[in-house]
Amino acid sequence: MFLYKIELQLPEGQQAHLIVLAANDEKAFSYVESHVQRHYLHMPELQSIAIVEKKRTDPGSGYLIEG
């Protein structure tokens, strides 16, 4: 399993990051839409989706996301 940091480009120059645990890249991308739908009342148009970082899961694995 891998921990993925995925960058999402939203309308009007907005950006979001999703951290997701998945077995492979394909699975990680398949989880994006369901997580975005749960977060927003109205599904925004995703202009781009990119894996920014990928780490093997080990105790203490994580990401620091700067604001």
N, C-alpha and C. Protein backbone atom coordinates (compact mmCIF):
# COMPACT_ATOMS: atom_id res chain seq x y z
N MET A 1 0.84 -1.18 0.00
CA MET A 1 0.00 0.00 0.00
C MET A 1 0.90 1.25 0.00
N PHE A 2 0.34 2.28 -0.60
CA PHE A 2 1.06 3.54 -0.71
C PHE A 2 0.18 4.69 -0.21
N LEU A 3 0.82 5.71 0.29
CA LEU A 3 0.16 6.94 0.69
C LEU A 3 0.42 7.95 -0.41
N TYR A 4 -0.66 8.47 -1.00
CA TYR A 4 -0.55 9.40 -2.14
C TYR A 4 -0.95 10.81 -1.73
N LYS A 5 -0.19 11.78 -2.20
CA LYS A 5 -0.56 13.19 -2.08
C LYS A 5 -0.97 13.61 -3.48
N ILE A 6 -2.25 13.95 -3.64
CA ILE A 6 -2.80 14.28 -4.96
C ILE A 6 -3.21 15.75 -4.96
N GLU A 7 -2.78 16.46 -5.99
CA GLU A 7 -3.11 17.88 -6.14
C GLU A 7 -4.27 18.02 -7.11
N LEU A 8 -5.27 18.82 -6.71
CA LEU A 8 -6.46 19.04 -7.52
C LEU A 8 -6.52 20.52 -7.90
N GLN A 9 -6.68 20.79 -9.18
CA GLN A 9 -6.90 22.16 -9.65
C GLN A 9 -8.41 22.34 -9.82
N LEU A 10 -8.95 23.34 -9.13
CA LEU A 10 -10.38 23.64 -9.16
C LEU A 10 -10.61 24.93 -9.93
N PRO A 11 -11.87 25.27 -10.21
CA PRO A 11 -12.16 26.52 -10.93
C PRO A 11 -11.62 27.75 -10.19
N GLU A 12 -11.42 28.81 -10.93
CA GLU A 12 -10.99 30.11 -10.42
C GLU A 12 -9.62 30.05 -9.72
N GLY A 13 -8.75 29.17 -10.19
CA GLY A 13 -7.40 29.10 -9.66
C GLY A 13 -7.28 28.46 -8.29
N GLN A 14 -8.36 27.92 -7.78
CA GLN A 14 -8.30 27.27 -6.47
C GLN A 14 -7.57 25.94 -6.58
N GLN A 15 -6.99 25.54 -5.46
CA GLN A 15 -6.22 24.30 -5.43
C GLN A 15 -6.57 23.56 -4.14
N ALA A 16 -6.57 22.23 -4.21
CA ALA A 16 -6.81 21.39 -3.03
C ALA A 16 -5.86 20.21 -3.09
N HIS A 17 -5.62 19.62 -1.93
CA HIS A 17 -4.78 18.42 -1.85
C HIS A 17 -5.56 17.32 -1.18
N LEU A 18 -5.41 16.11 -1.68
CA LEU A 18 -6.05 14.93 -1.12
C LEU A 18 -4.95 13.95 -0.75
N ILE A 19 -5.01 13.43 0.47
CA ILE A 19 -4.09 12.38 0.90
C ILE A 19 -4.92 11.11 0.97
N VAL A 20 -4.50 10.07 0.25
CA VAL A 20 -5.29 8.85 0.16
C VAL A 20 -4.37 7.62 0.20
N LEU A 21 -4.85 6.57 0.82
CA LEU A 21 -4.13 5.30 0.89
C LEU A 21 -4.67 4.39 -0.20
N ALA A 22 -3.80 3.86 -1.05
CA ALA A 22 -4.24 3.01 -2.16
C ALA A 22 -3.15 2.01 -2.51
N ALA A 23 -3.57 0.94 -3.18
CA ALA A 23 -2.64 -0.13 -3.58
C ALA A 23 -1.78 0.27 -4.78
N ASN A 24 -2.32 1.13 -5.67
CA ASN A 24 -1.57 1.53 -6.86
C ASN A 24 -2.09 2.88 -7.37
N ASP A 25 -1.42 3.42 -8.39
CA ASP A 25 -1.78 4.74 -8.93
C ASP A 25 -3.21 4.77 -9.44
N GLU A 26 -3.60 3.73 -10.16
CA GLU A 26 -4.94 3.66 -10.74
C GLU A 26 -6.01 3.73 -9.65
N LYS A 27 -5.82 2.99 -8.58
CA LYS A 27 -6.79 2.99 -7.47
C LYS A 27 -6.83 4.37 -6.80
N ALA A 28 -5.67 5.00 -6.65
CA ALA A 28 -5.61 6.32 -6.03
C ALA A 28 -6.46 7.31 -6.83
N PHE A 29 -6.31 7.30 -8.16
CA PHE A 29 -7.11 8.19 -9.00
C PHE A 29 -8.59 7.86 -8.91
N SER A 30 -8.93 6.58 -8.76
CA SER A 30 -10.34 6.19 -8.72
C SER A 30 -11.04 6.68 -7.46
N TYR A 31 -10.29 6.98 -6.39
CA TYR A 31 -10.89 7.44 -5.14
C TYR A 31 -11.13 8.96 -5.12
N VAL A 32 -10.52 9.69 -6.00
CA VAL A 32 -10.56 11.16 -5.96
C VAL A 32 -11.99 11.69 -6.00
N GLU A 33 -12.76 11.29 -6.99
CA GLU A 33 -14.10 11.87 -7.17
C GLU A 33 -14.99 11.65 -5.94
N SER A 34 -14.96 10.46 -5.36
CA SER A 34 -15.82 10.19 -4.20
C SER A 34 -15.42 11.06 -3.00
N HIS A 35 -14.13 11.30 -2.81
CA HIS A 35 -13.69 12.16 -1.71
C HIS A 35 -14.10 13.61 -1.95
N VAL A 36 -13.97 14.07 -3.18
CA VAL A 36 -14.35 15.45 -3.51
C VAL A 36 -15.86 15.63 -3.32
N GLN A 37 -16.66 14.66 -3.76
CA GLN A 37 -18.12 14.74 -3.60
C GLN A 37 -18.51 14.82 -2.14
N ARG A 38 -17.81 14.12 -1.27
CA ARG A 38 -18.13 14.14 0.17
C ARG A 38 -17.77 15.46 0.81
N HIS A 39 -16.80 16.17 0.25
CA HIS A 39 -16.32 17.42 0.86
C HIS A 39 -17.15 18.65 0.45
N TYR A 40 -17.60 18.70 -0.79
CA TYR A 40 -18.31 19.87 -1.32
C TYR A 40 -19.81 19.59 -1.44
N LEU A 41 -20.63 20.62 -1.23
CA LEU A 41 -22.07 20.48 -1.43
C LEU A 41 -22.40 20.24 -2.89
N HIS A 42 -21.72 21.00 -3.78
CA HIS A 42 -21.89 20.85 -5.23
C HIS A 42 -20.53 20.45 -5.80
N MET A 43 -20.52 19.39 -6.56
CA MET A 43 -19.27 18.87 -7.13
C MET A 43 -18.63 19.91 -8.04
N PRO A 44 -17.43 20.41 -7.68
CA PRO A 44 -16.76 21.37 -8.57
C PRO A 44 -16.16 20.65 -9.78
N GLU A 45 -15.92 21.40 -10.82
CA GLU A 45 -15.28 20.85 -12.02
C GLU A 45 -13.80 20.69 -11.71
N LEU A 46 -13.28 19.49 -11.82
CA LEU A 46 -11.86 19.25 -11.58
C LEU A 46 -11.11 19.51 -12.87
N GLN A 47 -10.29 20.55 -12.89
CA GLN A 47 -9.58 20.92 -14.10
C GLN A 47 -8.34 20.05 -14.32
N SER A 48 -7.71 19.63 -13.23
CA SER A 48 -6.59 18.68 -13.35
C SER A 48 -6.41 17.94 -12.04
N ILE A 49 -5.87 16.74 -12.16
CA ILE A 49 -5.59 15.88 -11.02
C ILE A 49 -4.18 15.32 -11.24
N ALA A 50 -3.31 15.47 -10.24
CA ALA A 50 -1.93 14.99 -10.40
C ALA A 50 -1.40 14.41 -9.10
N ILE A 51 -0.72 13.28 -9.21
CA ILE A 51 -0.04 12.72 -8.06
C ILE A 51 1.24 13.53 -7.86
N VAL A 52 1.37 14.13 -6.70
CA VAL A 52 2.52 14.96 -6.39
C VAL A 52 3.58 14.16 -5.65
N GLU A 53 3.13 13.23 -4.81
CA GLU A 53 4.06 12.44 -4.03
C GLU A 53 3.46 11.07 -3.74
N LYS A 54 4.32 10.07 -3.60
CA LYS A 54 3.89 8.70 -3.33
C LYS A 54 4.89 8.09 -2.35
N LYS A 55 4.37 7.56 -1.22
CA LYS A 55 5.23 6.97 -0.21
C LYS A 55 4.72 5.59 0.19
N ARG A 56 5.63 4.68 0.44
CA ARG A 56 5.24 3.40 1.03
C ARG A 56 4.74 3.68 2.45
N THR A 57 3.76 2.91 2.88
CA THR A 57 3.25 3.13 4.23
C THR A 57 4.12 2.42 5.25
N ASP A 58 4.56 3.18 6.20
CA ASP A 58 5.33 2.72 7.35
C ASP A 58 4.78 3.47 8.56
N PRO A 59 4.95 2.95 9.75
CA PRO A 59 4.50 3.71 10.91
C PRO A 59 5.10 5.11 10.90
N GLY A 60 4.26 6.09 11.07
CA GLY A 60 4.72 7.48 11.08
C GLY A 60 4.71 8.15 9.72
N SER A 61 4.35 7.45 8.65
CA SER A 61 4.28 8.06 7.32
C SER A 61 3.25 9.18 7.33
N GLY A 62 3.54 10.25 6.65
CA GLY A 62 2.59 11.35 6.59
C GLY A 62 3.09 12.47 5.68
N TYR A 63 2.30 13.52 5.62
CA TYR A 63 2.63 14.68 4.79
C TYR A 63 2.40 15.95 5.58
N LEU A 64 3.21 16.94 5.32
CA LEU A 64 3.01 18.29 5.84
C LEU A 64 2.49 19.10 4.65
N ILE A 65 1.33 19.73 4.84
CA ILE A 65 0.75 20.52 3.76
C ILE A 65 0.77 21.99 4.20
N GLU A 66 1.55 22.78 3.50
CA GLU A 66 1.65 24.20 3.82
C GLU A 66 0.43 24.94 3.29
N GLY A 67 0.00 25.96 4.01
CA GLY A 67 -1.16 26.75 3.59
C GLY A 67 -0.71 27.90 2.85
